[in-house]
Amino acid sequence: MAEELTIGVLGGTGAQGKGLAIRWASEGRRVVIGSRKAERAQEAAAEIAETSGGSVTGADNATCAADADIVIAALPWDGHEDTLRSVREQLAGKIVVDCANPLGFDKKGPYALDVPEGSAAQQAEALLPDSRVTAAFHHVSAVTLADLSVTHVDLDVLVLGDDREATDVVRGLADAIPGVRGIYGGRLRNARQVEALTANIIAINRRYKAHAGLRITDV
């Protein structure tokens, strides 16, 4: 059962990873936070557990990847490649959900970066040939996720991947957040435009002082 899976969050000390962990832990899911330093992960886990009232532990990245059944790669782009390479063995055979956004920022605002493999998700696929790589959770507001007073998160999450069973499991993780729907968004090769769209969402939120996301109509 998907509800029984332990969810590992690499990058769980960052805002996006913490927000997702808070939501899943508050819904009764077991969560393991990963970081380069176990002490930092444990501190974040204690904070998340207090906020969510759920079961959250912290460990170094390798232990997090080994102990989890499904792993969320909520990693900053500049640490994406090195972190995934370091836990390749521990992630073998597991569903990996990549939600990295390769973005740059300058005086004109956010913009998408070129990735040699095509996208962050495709880079993850190349680095983790023995894992079931998917892509999701790119456009979720960390602020909204972390605020449990928001009881209905008005958002659809696009889930991409080539493994139908894996994308169904990840859609279930999205559905576990009240108000959120997981929507199949195509093959992993199409992750580039989904990641890049994050720059537009950030620009919208800055302009309108909002925490906007996406809704897919007629589905």
N, C-alpha and C. Protein backbone atom coordinates (compact mmCIF):
# COMPACT_ATOMS: atom_id res chain seq x y z
N MET A 1 0.83 -1.20 0.00
CA MET A 1 0.00 0.00 0.00
C MET A 1 0.87 1.25 0.00
N ALA A 2 0.51 2.26 -0.85
CA ALA A 2 1.28 3.49 -0.92
C ALA A 2 1.31 4.21 0.41
N GLU A 3 0.22 4.08 1.19
CA GLU A 3 0.15 4.76 2.48
C GLU A 3 1.19 4.25 3.46
N GLU A 4 1.70 3.06 3.22
CA GLU A 4 2.65 2.45 4.14
C GLU A 4 4.10 2.73 3.76
N LEU A 5 4.32 3.40 2.64
CA LEU A 5 5.68 3.67 2.19
C LEU A 5 6.34 4.72 3.06
N THR A 6 7.61 4.51 3.37
CA THR A 6 8.40 5.54 4.05
C THR A 6 8.97 6.47 2.99
N ILE A 7 8.73 7.77 3.16
CA ILE A 7 9.14 8.77 2.18
C ILE A 7 10.44 9.43 2.63
N GLY A 8 11.47 9.32 1.82
CA GLY A 8 12.72 10.01 2.10
C GLY A 8 12.75 11.33 1.34
N VAL A 9 13.23 12.37 1.99
CA VAL A 9 13.31 13.68 1.33
C VAL A 9 14.76 14.16 1.36
N LEU A 10 15.45 13.99 0.25
CA LEU A 10 16.79 14.54 0.10
C LEU A 10 16.65 16.04 -0.13
N GLY A 11 17.37 16.83 0.62
CA GLY A 11 17.14 18.27 0.57
C GLY A 11 16.01 18.67 1.50
N GLY A 12 15.74 17.83 2.47
CA GLY A 12 14.63 18.06 3.39
C GLY A 12 14.85 19.18 4.38
N THR A 13 16.05 19.76 4.39
CA THR A 13 16.30 20.91 5.25
C THR A 13 15.98 22.22 4.54
N GLY A 14 15.73 22.17 3.24
CA GLY A 14 15.35 23.35 2.47
C GLY A 14 13.85 23.60 2.55
N ALA A 15 13.42 24.75 2.07
CA ALA A 15 12.02 25.15 2.22
C ALA A 15 11.06 24.19 1.51
N GLN A 16 11.37 23.81 0.28
CA GLN A 16 10.48 22.93 -0.47
C GLN A 16 10.39 21.55 0.17
N GLY A 17 11.54 20.99 0.53
CA GLY A 17 11.55 19.68 1.16
C GLY A 17 10.83 19.68 2.49
N LYS A 18 11.05 20.72 3.30
CA LYS A 18 10.36 20.82 4.59
C LYS A 18 8.86 20.92 4.41
N GLY A 19 8.43 21.74 3.45
CA GLY A 19 7.00 21.91 3.22
C GLY A 19 6.32 20.61 2.84
N LEU A 20 6.92 19.87 1.92
CA LEU A 20 6.36 18.57 1.52
C LEU A 20 6.34 17.61 2.70
N ALA A 21 7.43 17.58 3.45
CA ALA A 21 7.52 16.67 4.60
C ALA A 21 6.45 17.00 5.64
N ILE A 22 6.22 18.28 5.89
CA ILE A 22 5.19 18.69 6.85
C ILE A 22 3.83 18.17 6.41
N ARG A 23 3.51 18.33 5.16
CA ARG A 23 2.19 17.89 4.68
C ARG A 23 2.04 16.37 4.77
N TRP A 24 3.05 15.63 4.34
CA TRP A 24 2.92 14.17 4.38
C TRP A 24 2.91 13.65 5.81
N ALA A 25 3.75 14.20 6.66
CA ALA A 25 3.78 13.76 8.05
C ALA A 25 2.46 14.07 8.75
N SER A 26 1.86 15.22 8.42
CA SER A 26 0.59 15.58 9.04
C SER A 26 -0.54 14.67 8.60
N GLU A 27 -0.35 13.98 7.47
CA GLU A 27 -1.35 13.02 6.98
C GLU A 27 -1.01 11.59 7.39
N GLY A 28 -0.06 11.44 8.29
CA GLY A 28 0.24 10.12 8.84
C GLY A 28 1.29 9.33 8.09
N ARG A 29 1.97 9.94 7.12
CA ARG A 29 3.03 9.22 6.40
C ARG A 29 4.35 9.28 7.19
N ARG A 30 5.13 8.22 7.11
CA ARG A 30 6.46 8.21 7.74
C ARG A 30 7.44 8.92 6.82
N VAL A 31 8.22 9.84 7.38
CA VAL A 31 9.13 10.66 6.59
C VAL A 31 10.53 10.61 7.18
N VAL A 32 11.53 10.50 6.30
CA VAL A 32 12.93 10.59 6.69
C VAL A 32 13.54 11.78 5.96
N ILE A 33 14.13 12.69 6.72
CA ILE A 33 14.78 13.86 6.14
C ILE A 33 16.26 13.55 5.91
N GLY A 34 16.77 13.89 4.73
CA GLY A 34 18.18 13.67 4.41
C GLY A 34 18.93 14.98 4.25
N SER A 35 20.18 14.98 4.67
CA SER A 35 21.06 16.12 4.49
C SER A 35 22.50 15.61 4.45
N ARG A 36 23.42 16.44 4.00
CA ARG A 36 24.82 16.02 3.99
C ARG A 36 25.29 15.73 5.42
N LYS A 37 24.78 16.48 6.37
CA LYS A 37 25.14 16.28 7.77
C LYS A 37 23.93 15.75 8.54
N ALA A 38 24.11 14.62 9.21
CA ALA A 38 23.00 14.00 9.93
C ALA A 38 22.42 14.93 11.00
N GLU A 39 23.30 15.68 11.66
CA GLU A 39 22.83 16.57 12.73
C GLU A 39 21.87 17.61 12.19
N ARG A 40 22.17 18.15 11.03
CA ARG A 40 21.28 19.16 10.44
C ARG A 40 19.94 18.53 10.06
N ALA A 41 19.98 17.32 9.52
CA ALA A 41 18.75 16.62 9.16
C ALA A 41 17.91 16.32 10.40
N GLN A 42 18.55 15.93 11.48
CA GLN A 42 17.83 15.63 12.71
C GLN A 42 17.17 16.87 13.29
N GLU A 43 17.86 18.01 13.21
CA GLU A 43 17.27 19.26 13.69
C GLU A 43 16.04 19.63 12.86
N ALA A 44 16.14 19.48 11.53
CA ALA A 44 15.00 19.78 10.66
C ALA A 44 13.85 18.81 10.93
N ALA A 45 14.18 17.54 11.15
CA ALA A 45 13.16 16.54 11.41
C ALA A 45 12.39 16.85 12.69
N ALA A 46 13.11 17.28 13.71
CA ALA A 46 12.45 17.64 14.98
C ALA A 46 11.49 18.81 14.78
N GLU A 47 11.92 19.79 13.99
CA GLU A 47 11.08 20.95 13.70
C GLU A 47 9.83 20.54 12.92
N ILE A 48 10.02 19.67 11.93
CA ILE A 48 8.90 19.21 11.10
C ILE A 48 7.93 18.37 11.93
N ALA A 49 8.47 17.51 12.77
CA ALA A 49 7.63 16.67 13.63
C ALA A 49 6.78 17.52 14.57
N GLU A 50 7.38 18.57 15.12
CA GLU A 50 6.64 19.46 16.04
C GLU A 50 5.52 20.18 15.30
N THR A 51 5.80 20.62 14.08
CA THR A 51 4.80 21.35 13.30
C THR A 51 3.67 20.43 12.85
N SER A 52 4.04 19.23 12.40
CA SER A 52 3.08 18.32 11.77
C SER A 52 2.40 17.37 12.74
N GLY A 53 3.07 17.10 13.86
CA GLY A 53 2.57 16.10 14.77
C GLY A 53 2.76 14.68 14.26
N GLY A 54 3.62 14.53 13.26
CA GLY A 54 3.80 13.23 12.62
C GLY A 54 5.11 12.56 12.96
N SER A 55 5.36 11.44 12.26
CA SER A 55 6.57 10.64 12.47
C SER A 55 7.64 11.07 11.48
N VAL A 56 8.67 11.76 11.99
CA VAL A 56 9.73 12.29 11.13
C VAL A 56 11.07 12.04 11.79
N THR A 57 12.01 11.48 11.04
CA THR A 57 13.36 11.28 11.53
C THR A 57 14.34 11.93 10.56
N GLY A 58 15.59 12.10 11.00
CA GLY A 58 16.61 12.71 10.15
C GLY A 58 17.86 11.87 10.09
N ALA A 59 18.56 11.93 8.95
CA ALA A 59 19.78 11.14 8.77
C ALA A 59 20.61 11.75 7.66
N ASP A 60 21.83 11.28 7.49
CA ASP A 60 22.63 11.71 6.36
C ASP A 60 21.98 11.19 5.07
N ASN A 61 22.38 11.75 3.94
CA ASN A 61 21.72 11.43 2.68
C ASN A 61 21.73 9.94 2.35
N ALA A 62 22.84 9.28 2.56
CA ALA A 62 22.93 7.86 2.23
C ALA A 62 21.98 7.02 3.07
N THR A 63 21.91 7.32 4.36
CA THR A 63 21.01 6.57 5.25
C THR A 63 19.56 6.86 4.91
N CYS A 64 19.25 8.12 4.62
CA CYS A 64 17.90 8.48 4.20
C CYS A 64 17.49 7.70 2.96
N ALA A 65 18.36 7.68 1.95
CA ALA A 65 18.06 6.98 0.71
C ALA A 65 17.90 5.48 0.94
N ALA A 66 18.70 4.92 1.83
CA ALA A 66 18.64 3.48 2.09
C ALA A 66 17.38 3.10 2.87
N ASP A 67 16.96 3.95 3.81
CA ASP A 67 15.84 3.61 4.69
C ASP A 67 14.48 3.88 4.08
N ALA A 68 14.42 4.73 3.06
CA ALA A 68 13.14 5.11 2.47
C ALA A 68 12.71 4.13 1.38
N ASP A 69 11.40 4.06 1.16
CA ASP A 69 10.85 3.25 0.07
C ASP A 69 10.74 4.05 -1.22
N ILE A 70 10.47 5.34 -1.08
CA ILE A 70 10.38 6.26 -2.21
C ILE A 70 11.10 7.54 -1.80
N VAL A 71 11.86 8.14 -2.71
CA VAL A 71 12.72 9.25 -2.34
C VAL A 71 12.43 10.48 -3.19
N ILE A 72 12.22 11.61 -2.51
CA ILE A 72 12.01 12.90 -3.16
C ILE A 72 13.34 13.63 -3.23
N ALA A 73 13.74 14.03 -4.43
CA ALA A 73 14.97 14.79 -4.60
C ALA A 73 14.61 16.27 -4.70
N ALA A 74 14.46 16.89 -3.51
CA ALA A 74 14.12 18.32 -3.43
C ALA A 74 15.42 19.10 -3.25
N LEU A 75 16.27 19.00 -4.23
CA LEU A 75 17.64 19.47 -4.12
C LEU A 75 17.85 20.80 -4.83
N PRO A 76 18.71 21.66 -4.28
CA PRO A 76 19.09 22.85 -5.04
C PRO A 76 19.86 22.42 -6.29
N TRP A 77 19.70 23.17 -7.36
CA TRP A 77 20.30 22.74 -8.62
C TRP A 77 21.82 22.61 -8.52
N ASP A 78 22.45 23.48 -7.76
CA ASP A 78 23.92 23.42 -7.71
C ASP A 78 24.44 22.20 -6.95
N GLY A 79 23.58 21.51 -6.22
CA GLY A 79 24.01 20.29 -5.53
C GLY A 79 23.35 19.04 -6.07
N HIS A 80 22.57 19.19 -7.13
CA HIS A 80 21.76 18.09 -7.67
C HIS A 80 22.61 16.90 -8.12
N GLU A 81 23.55 17.16 -9.01
CA GLU A 81 24.34 16.08 -9.60
C GLU A 81 25.18 15.35 -8.55
N ASP A 82 25.90 16.09 -7.75
CA ASP A 82 26.79 15.48 -6.76
C ASP A 82 26.02 14.66 -5.73
N THR A 83 24.88 15.18 -5.29
CA THR A 83 24.11 14.45 -4.27
C THR A 83 23.56 13.15 -4.83
N LEU A 84 22.95 13.20 -6.00
CA LEU A 84 22.39 11.98 -6.57
C LEU A 84 23.47 10.96 -6.90
N ARG A 85 24.59 11.42 -7.38
CA ARG A 85 25.69 10.50 -7.68
C ARG A 85 26.15 9.77 -6.41
N SER A 86 26.12 10.49 -5.29
CA SER A 86 26.63 9.92 -4.03
C SER A 86 25.71 8.86 -3.44
N VAL A 87 24.43 8.83 -3.86
CA VAL A 87 23.48 7.87 -3.28
C VAL A 87 22.93 6.92 -4.35
N ARG A 88 23.64 6.81 -5.45
CA ARG A 88 23.19 5.95 -6.55
C ARG A 88 22.92 4.52 -6.07
N GLU A 89 23.83 3.97 -5.29
CA GLU A 89 23.67 2.58 -4.84
C GLU A 89 22.44 2.42 -3.95
N GLN A 90 22.24 3.36 -3.04
CA GLN A 90 21.12 3.27 -2.10
C GLN A 90 19.77 3.46 -2.79
N LEU A 91 19.75 4.13 -3.93
CA LEU A 91 18.50 4.41 -4.63
C LEU A 91 18.15 3.36 -5.67
N ALA A 92 18.98 2.37 -5.86
CA ALA A 92 18.73 1.33 -6.86
C ALA A 92 17.40 0.63 -6.59
N GLY A 93 16.59 0.52 -7.62
CA GLY A 93 15.31 -0.18 -7.53
C GLY A 93 14.18 0.65 -6.95
N LYS A 94 14.45 1.88 -6.54
CA LYS A 94 13.44 2.69 -5.87
C LYS A 94 12.88 3.78 -6.80
N ILE A 95 11.66 4.21 -6.49
CA ILE A 95 11.09 5.36 -7.18
C ILE A 95 11.76 6.62 -6.65
N VAL A 96 12.28 7.42 -7.56
CA VAL A 96 12.88 8.71 -7.22
C VAL A 96 12.05 9.80 -7.87
N VAL A 97 11.64 10.78 -7.09
CA VAL A 97 10.84 11.89 -7.59
C VAL A 97 11.72 13.13 -7.64
N ASP A 98 12.10 13.55 -8.83
CA ASP A 98 12.96 14.72 -8.96
C ASP A 98 12.10 15.97 -9.07
N CYS A 99 12.36 16.95 -8.22
CA CYS A 99 11.62 18.22 -8.31
C CYS A 99 12.55 19.42 -8.35
N ALA A 100 13.77 19.19 -8.84
CA ALA A 100 14.73 20.28 -8.96
C ALA A 100 14.31 21.21 -10.10
N ASN A 101 14.56 22.50 -9.91
CA ASN A 101 14.28 23.50 -10.93
C ASN A 101 15.59 24.20 -11.30
N PRO A 102 16.15 23.89 -12.47
CA PRO A 102 17.41 24.54 -12.89
C PRO A 102 17.13 25.98 -13.33
N LEU A 103 17.26 26.91 -12.39
CA LEU A 103 16.95 28.31 -12.66
C LEU A 103 18.13 29.21 -12.34
N GLY A 104 18.22 30.30 -13.06
CA GLY A 104 19.15 31.36 -12.74
C GLY A 104 18.37 32.62 -12.40
N PHE A 105 19.03 33.58 -11.78
CA PHE A 105 18.38 34.83 -11.39
C PHE A 105 19.31 35.99 -11.72
N ASP A 106 18.75 37.04 -12.31
CA ASP A 106 19.51 38.25 -12.56
C ASP A 106 18.59 39.45 -12.33
N LYS A 107 18.98 40.62 -12.77
CA LYS A 107 18.18 41.81 -12.52
C LYS A 107 16.82 41.76 -13.20
N LYS A 108 16.69 40.93 -14.23
CA LYS A 108 15.41 40.80 -14.92
C LYS A 108 14.51 39.74 -14.28
N GLY A 109 15.05 39.01 -13.30
CA GLY A 109 14.25 37.99 -12.63
C GLY A 109 14.71 36.58 -12.94
N PRO A 110 13.86 35.58 -12.69
CA PRO A 110 14.24 34.18 -12.88
C PRO A 110 14.21 33.78 -14.35
N TYR A 111 15.08 32.83 -14.70
CA TYR A 111 15.09 32.30 -16.06
C TYR A 111 15.60 30.86 -16.01
N ALA A 112 15.19 30.07 -17.01
CA ALA A 112 15.57 28.66 -17.07
C ALA A 112 17.00 28.50 -17.55
N LEU A 113 17.72 27.58 -16.93
CA LEU A 113 19.09 27.27 -17.33
C LEU A 113 19.09 26.10 -18.31
N ASP A 114 20.08 26.08 -19.17
CA ASP A 114 20.25 24.94 -20.08
C ASP A 114 20.89 23.79 -19.32
N VAL A 115 20.35 22.60 -19.50
CA VAL A 115 20.87 21.39 -18.87
C VAL A 115 21.32 20.44 -19.99
N PRO A 116 22.57 19.99 -19.98
CA PRO A 116 23.07 19.14 -21.07
C PRO A 116 22.18 17.92 -21.35
N GLU A 117 21.64 17.31 -20.30
CA GLU A 117 20.81 16.11 -20.48
C GLU A 117 19.40 16.46 -20.94
N GLY A 118 19.04 17.73 -20.93
CA GLY A 118 17.71 18.17 -21.33
C GLY A 118 16.92 18.76 -20.19
N SER A 119 17.02 18.14 -19.00
CA SER A 119 16.29 18.60 -17.83
C SER A 119 16.95 18.02 -16.59
N ALA A 120 16.59 18.54 -15.44
CA ALA A 120 17.09 17.98 -14.19
C ALA A 120 16.66 16.53 -14.04
N ALA A 121 15.41 16.25 -14.41
CA ALA A 121 14.90 14.88 -14.30
C ALA A 121 15.67 13.92 -15.20
N GLN A 122 16.01 14.36 -16.39
CA GLN A 122 16.78 13.51 -17.30
C GLN A 122 18.21 13.34 -16.80
N GLN A 123 18.75 14.36 -16.15
CA GLN A 123 20.06 14.20 -15.53
C GLN A 123 19.97 13.14 -14.43
N ALA A 124 18.91 13.20 -13.62
CA ALA A 124 18.72 12.20 -12.58
C ALA A 124 18.61 10.80 -13.17
N GLU A 125 17.89 10.68 -14.27
CA GLU A 125 17.73 9.39 -14.95
C GLU A 125 19.09 8.85 -15.40
N ALA A 126 19.95 9.73 -15.91
CA ALA A 126 21.28 9.31 -16.36
C ALA A 126 22.16 8.91 -15.19
N LEU A 127 22.02 9.61 -14.07
CA LEU A 127 22.84 9.34 -12.90
C LEU A 127 22.38 8.10 -12.14
N LEU A 128 21.08 7.77 -12.29
CA LEU A 128 20.47 6.68 -11.51
C LEU A 128 19.84 5.65 -12.44
N PRO A 129 20.66 4.94 -13.21
CA PRO A 129 20.11 4.01 -14.20
C PRO A 129 19.35 2.84 -13.60
N ASP A 130 19.55 2.56 -12.32
CA ASP A 130 18.86 1.44 -11.69
C ASP A 130 17.64 1.88 -10.88
N SER A 131 17.29 3.17 -10.95
CA SER A 131 16.14 3.71 -10.23
C SER A 131 14.99 3.98 -11.19
N ARG A 132 13.80 4.17 -10.62
CA ARG A 132 12.60 4.48 -11.40
C ARG A 132 12.35 5.99 -11.24
N VAL A 133 12.92 6.77 -12.15
CA VAL A 133 12.92 8.22 -11.99
C VAL A 133 11.64 8.83 -12.55
N THR A 134 11.04 9.70 -11.74
CA THR A 134 9.89 10.49 -12.16
C THR A 134 10.20 11.96 -11.86
N ALA A 135 9.31 12.85 -12.27
CA ALA A 135 9.47 14.28 -11.99
C ALA A 135 8.12 14.82 -11.52
N ALA A 136 8.13 15.64 -10.46
CA ALA A 136 6.88 16.19 -9.92
C ALA A 136 7.19 17.25 -8.87
N PHE A 137 6.16 17.96 -8.43
CA PHE A 137 6.21 18.94 -7.34
C PHE A 137 7.08 20.16 -7.64
N HIS A 138 7.13 20.57 -8.90
CA HIS A 138 7.96 21.72 -9.28
C HIS A 138 7.33 23.06 -8.92
N HIS A 139 6.01 23.12 -8.92
CA HIS A 139 5.32 24.41 -8.83
C HIS A 139 4.55 24.59 -7.53
N VAL A 140 4.97 23.91 -6.48
CA VAL A 140 4.27 23.96 -5.21
C VAL A 140 4.91 25.03 -4.31
N SER A 141 4.09 25.91 -3.78
CA SER A 141 4.61 26.96 -2.89
C SER A 141 5.05 26.36 -1.57
N ALA A 142 6.31 26.55 -1.22
CA ALA A 142 6.83 26.06 0.06
C ALA A 142 6.13 26.75 1.22
N VAL A 143 5.80 28.03 1.04
CA VAL A 143 5.12 28.78 2.10
C VAL A 143 3.75 28.19 2.38
N THR A 144 3.00 27.89 1.33
CA THR A 144 1.67 27.30 1.49
C THR A 144 1.76 25.91 2.11
N LEU A 145 2.71 25.11 1.66
CA LEU A 145 2.86 23.76 2.20
C LEU A 145 3.12 23.79 3.70
N ALA A 146 3.98 24.70 4.13
CA ALA A 146 4.40 24.73 5.53
C ALA A 146 3.33 25.30 6.46
N ASP A 147 2.32 25.94 5.89
CA ASP A 147 1.27 26.59 6.69
C ASP A 147 0.05 25.67 6.79
N LEU A 148 -0.03 24.90 7.88
CA LEU A 148 -1.12 23.94 8.02
C LEU A 148 -2.47 24.60 8.29
N SER A 149 -2.47 25.92 8.49
CA SER A 149 -3.76 26.61 8.58
C SER A 149 -4.43 26.67 7.21
N VAL A 150 -3.63 26.46 6.13
CA VAL A 150 -4.18 26.33 4.79
C VAL A 150 -4.62 24.87 4.63
N THR A 151 -5.90 24.63 4.82
CA THR A 151 -6.39 23.26 4.86
C THR A 151 -6.72 22.70 3.48
N HIS A 152 -6.75 23.55 2.47
CA HIS A 152 -7.04 23.12 1.10
C HIS A 152 -6.03 23.81 0.18
N VAL A 153 -5.06 23.05 -0.32
CA VAL A 153 -4.03 23.60 -1.20
C VAL A 153 -4.55 23.52 -2.63
N ASP A 154 -4.85 24.66 -3.20
CA ASP A 154 -5.51 24.74 -4.51
C ASP A 154 -4.48 24.57 -5.62
N LEU A 155 -4.22 23.32 -6.00
CA LEU A 155 -3.08 23.06 -6.87
C LEU A 155 -3.19 21.70 -7.55
N ASP A 156 -2.74 21.64 -8.79
CA ASP A 156 -2.49 20.37 -9.47
C ASP A 156 -0.98 20.19 -9.60
N VAL A 157 -0.53 18.96 -9.42
CA VAL A 157 0.88 18.61 -9.55
C VAL A 157 1.06 17.75 -10.80
N LEU A 158 1.86 18.22 -11.74
CA LEU A 158 2.15 17.43 -12.93
C LEU A 158 3.21 16.38 -12.59
N VAL A 159 2.89 15.13 -12.93
CA VAL A 159 3.80 14.01 -12.66
C VAL A 159 4.23 13.43 -14.00
N LEU A 160 5.54 13.37 -14.21
CA LEU A 160 6.08 12.89 -15.48
C LEU A 160 6.95 11.66 -15.25
N GLY A 161 6.94 10.75 -16.24
CA GLY A 161 7.78 9.57 -16.13
C GLY A 161 7.41 8.55 -17.18
N ASP A 162 8.28 7.58 -17.34
CA ASP A 162 8.09 6.52 -18.34
C ASP A 162 7.58 5.22 -17.73
N ASP A 163 7.51 5.17 -16.41
CA ASP A 163 7.06 3.98 -15.68
C ASP A 163 5.67 4.26 -15.14
N ARG A 164 4.63 3.65 -15.74
CA ARG A 164 3.25 3.95 -15.39
C ARG A 164 2.96 3.69 -13.91
N GLU A 165 3.44 2.58 -13.40
CA GLU A 165 3.20 2.26 -12.00
C GLU A 165 3.84 3.30 -11.09
N ALA A 166 5.06 3.72 -11.43
CA ALA A 166 5.76 4.72 -10.61
C ALA A 166 5.03 6.05 -10.62
N THR A 167 4.57 6.49 -11.79
CA THR A 167 3.85 7.77 -11.84
C THR A 167 2.53 7.69 -11.09
N ASP A 168 1.89 6.52 -11.07
CA ASP A 168 0.66 6.36 -10.30
C ASP A 168 0.94 6.50 -8.80
N VAL A 169 2.04 5.93 -8.34
CA VAL A 169 2.41 6.05 -6.92
C VAL A 169 2.67 7.51 -6.57
N VAL A 170 3.38 8.21 -7.44
CA VAL A 170 3.70 9.62 -7.17
C VAL A 170 2.44 10.47 -7.22
N ARG A 171 1.52 10.18 -8.12
CA ARG A 171 0.25 10.90 -8.14
C ARG A 171 -0.49 10.70 -6.82
N GLY A 172 -0.37 9.51 -6.26
CA GLY A 172 -0.98 9.24 -4.96
C GLY A 172 -0.37 10.09 -3.85
N LEU A 173 0.94 10.33 -3.92
CA LEU A 173 1.58 11.21 -2.94
C LEU A 173 1.04 12.63 -3.05
N ALA A 174 0.82 13.08 -4.28
CA ALA A 174 0.25 14.42 -4.48
C ALA A 174 -1.18 14.46 -3.92
N ASP A 175 -1.95 13.43 -4.22
CA ASP A 175 -3.34 13.38 -3.76
C ASP A 175 -3.44 13.36 -2.24
N ALA A 176 -2.39 12.92 -1.56
CA ALA A 176 -2.41 12.84 -0.10
C ALA A 176 -2.40 14.22 0.57
N ILE A 177 -2.04 15.25 -0.19
CA ILE A 177 -2.05 16.62 0.33
C ILE A 177 -3.43 17.19 0.07
N PRO A 178 -4.17 17.58 1.10
CA PRO A 178 -5.55 18.04 0.90
C PRO A 178 -5.67 19.17 -0.13
N GLY A 179 -6.53 18.95 -1.12
CA GLY A 179 -6.75 19.93 -2.18
C GLY A 179 -5.93 19.72 -3.42
N VAL A 180 -4.85 18.95 -3.31
CA VAL A 180 -3.93 18.75 -4.44
C VAL A 180 -4.37 17.54 -5.26
N ARG A 181 -4.20 17.63 -6.57
CA ARG A 181 -4.39 16.48 -7.46
C ARG A 181 -3.09 16.18 -8.18
N GLY A 182 -2.76 14.90 -8.27
CA GLY A 182 -1.64 14.49 -9.11
C GLY A 182 -2.15 14.19 -10.50
N ILE A 183 -1.58 14.85 -11.50
CA ILE A 183 -2.01 14.72 -12.89
C ILE A 183 -0.85 14.21 -13.73
N TYR A 184 -1.06 13.12 -14.46
CA TYR A 184 -0.01 12.62 -15.35
C TYR A 184 0.30 13.68 -16.40
N GLY A 185 1.57 14.04 -16.55
CA GLY A 185 1.95 15.13 -17.44
C GLY A 185 2.81 14.73 -18.62
N GLY A 186 2.97 13.43 -18.85
CA GLY A 186 3.74 13.00 -20.01
C GLY A 186 5.02 12.26 -19.65
N ARG A 187 5.77 11.95 -20.67
CA ARG A 187 7.02 11.22 -20.51
C ARG A 187 8.09 12.09 -19.86
N LEU A 188 9.11 11.44 -19.33
CA LEU A 188 10.16 12.17 -18.63
C LEU A 188 10.88 13.15 -19.54
N ARG A 189 10.94 12.85 -20.83
CA ARG A 189 11.61 13.75 -21.77
C ARG A 189 10.93 15.12 -21.84
N ASN A 190 9.69 15.20 -21.36
CA ASN A 190 8.96 16.47 -21.37
C ASN A 190 9.12 17.26 -20.08
N ALA A 191 10.02 16.85 -19.21
CA ALA A 191 10.19 17.55 -17.94
C ALA A 191 10.81 18.92 -18.10
N ARG A 192 11.54 19.14 -19.19
CA ARG A 192 12.26 20.41 -19.36
C ARG A 192 11.32 21.61 -19.29
N GLN A 193 10.21 21.54 -20.04
CA GLN A 193 9.33 22.70 -20.05
C GLN A 193 8.57 22.86 -18.74
N VAL A 194 8.34 21.77 -18.03
CA VAL A 194 7.69 21.85 -16.73
C VAL A 194 8.62 22.52 -15.72
N GLU A 195 9.88 22.12 -15.72
CA GLU A 195 10.87 22.76 -14.84
C GLU A 195 11.02 24.24 -15.18
N ALA A 196 11.10 24.55 -16.47
CA ALA A 196 11.30 25.93 -16.90
C ALA A 196 10.11 26.82 -16.53
N LEU A 197 8.92 26.25 -16.53
CA LEU A 197 7.72 27.02 -16.21
C LEU A 197 7.77 27.60 -14.80
N THR A 198 8.60 27.02 -13.95
CA THR A 198 8.74 27.53 -12.59
C THR A 198 9.19 28.99 -12.60
N ALA A 199 10.01 29.37 -13.57
CA ALA A 199 10.43 30.77 -13.68
C ALA A 199 9.24 31.68 -13.89
N ASN A 200 8.28 31.23 -14.70
CA ASN A 200 7.07 32.03 -14.94
C ASN A 200 6.21 32.12 -13.68
N ILE A 201 6.11 30.99 -12.95
CA ILE A 201 5.31 30.98 -11.72
C ILE A 201 5.92 31.93 -10.68
N ILE A 202 7.23 31.91 -10.57
CA ILE A 202 7.90 32.83 -9.63
C ILE A 202 7.63 34.28 -10.02
N ALA A 203 7.71 34.58 -11.31
CA ALA A 203 7.46 35.94 -11.78
C ALA A 203 6.02 36.37 -11.47
N ILE A 204 5.08 35.47 -11.67
CA ILE A 204 3.67 35.75 -11.34
C ILE A 204 3.52 36.06 -9.86
N ASN A 205 4.13 35.22 -9.03
CA ASN A 205 3.99 35.39 -7.59
C ASN A 205 4.63 36.69 -7.10
N ARG A 206 5.74 37.06 -7.70
CA ARG A 206 6.38 38.32 -7.32
C ARG A 206 5.52 39.50 -7.72
N ARG A 207 4.96 39.44 -8.91
CA ARG A 207 4.15 40.56 -9.41
C ARG A 207 2.87 40.74 -8.60
N TYR A 208 2.21 39.62 -8.29
CA TYR A 208 0.90 39.69 -7.64
C TYR A 208 0.95 39.40 -6.14
N LYS A 209 2.17 39.24 -5.62
CA LYS A 209 2.34 38.96 -4.19
C LYS A 209 1.43 37.79 -3.77
N ALA A 210 1.61 36.68 -4.49
CA ALA A 210 0.75 35.51 -4.32
C ALA A 210 1.59 34.26 -4.13
N HIS A 211 0.90 33.14 -3.97
CA HIS A 211 1.55 31.82 -3.92
C HIS A 211 0.86 30.92 -4.95
N ALA A 212 0.81 31.40 -6.17
CA ALA A 212 0.05 30.75 -7.24
C ALA A 212 0.68 29.43 -7.67
N GLY A 213 -0.19 28.56 -8.20
CA GLY A 213 0.25 27.30 -8.78
C GLY A 213 -0.51 27.07 -10.07
N LEU A 214 -0.71 25.81 -10.42
CA LEU A 214 -1.38 25.44 -11.66
C LEU A 214 -2.64 24.63 -11.38
N ARG A 215 -3.65 24.80 -12.23
CA ARG A 215 -4.80 23.92 -12.28
C ARG A 215 -4.99 23.49 -13.73
N ILE A 216 -5.22 22.20 -13.94
CA ILE A 216 -5.49 21.65 -15.27
C ILE A 216 -7.00 21.50 -15.41
N THR A 217 -7.57 22.09 -16.45
CA THR A 217 -9.02 22.08 -16.62
C THR A 217 -9.49 20.84 -17.38
N ASP A 218 -10.76 20.51 -17.18
CA ASP A 218 -11.47 19.46 -17.93
C ASP A 218 -10.87 18.07 -17.70
N VAL A 219 -10.27 17.85 -16.54
CA VAL A 219 -9.74 16.53 -16.18
C VAL A 219 -10.35 16.12 -14.85
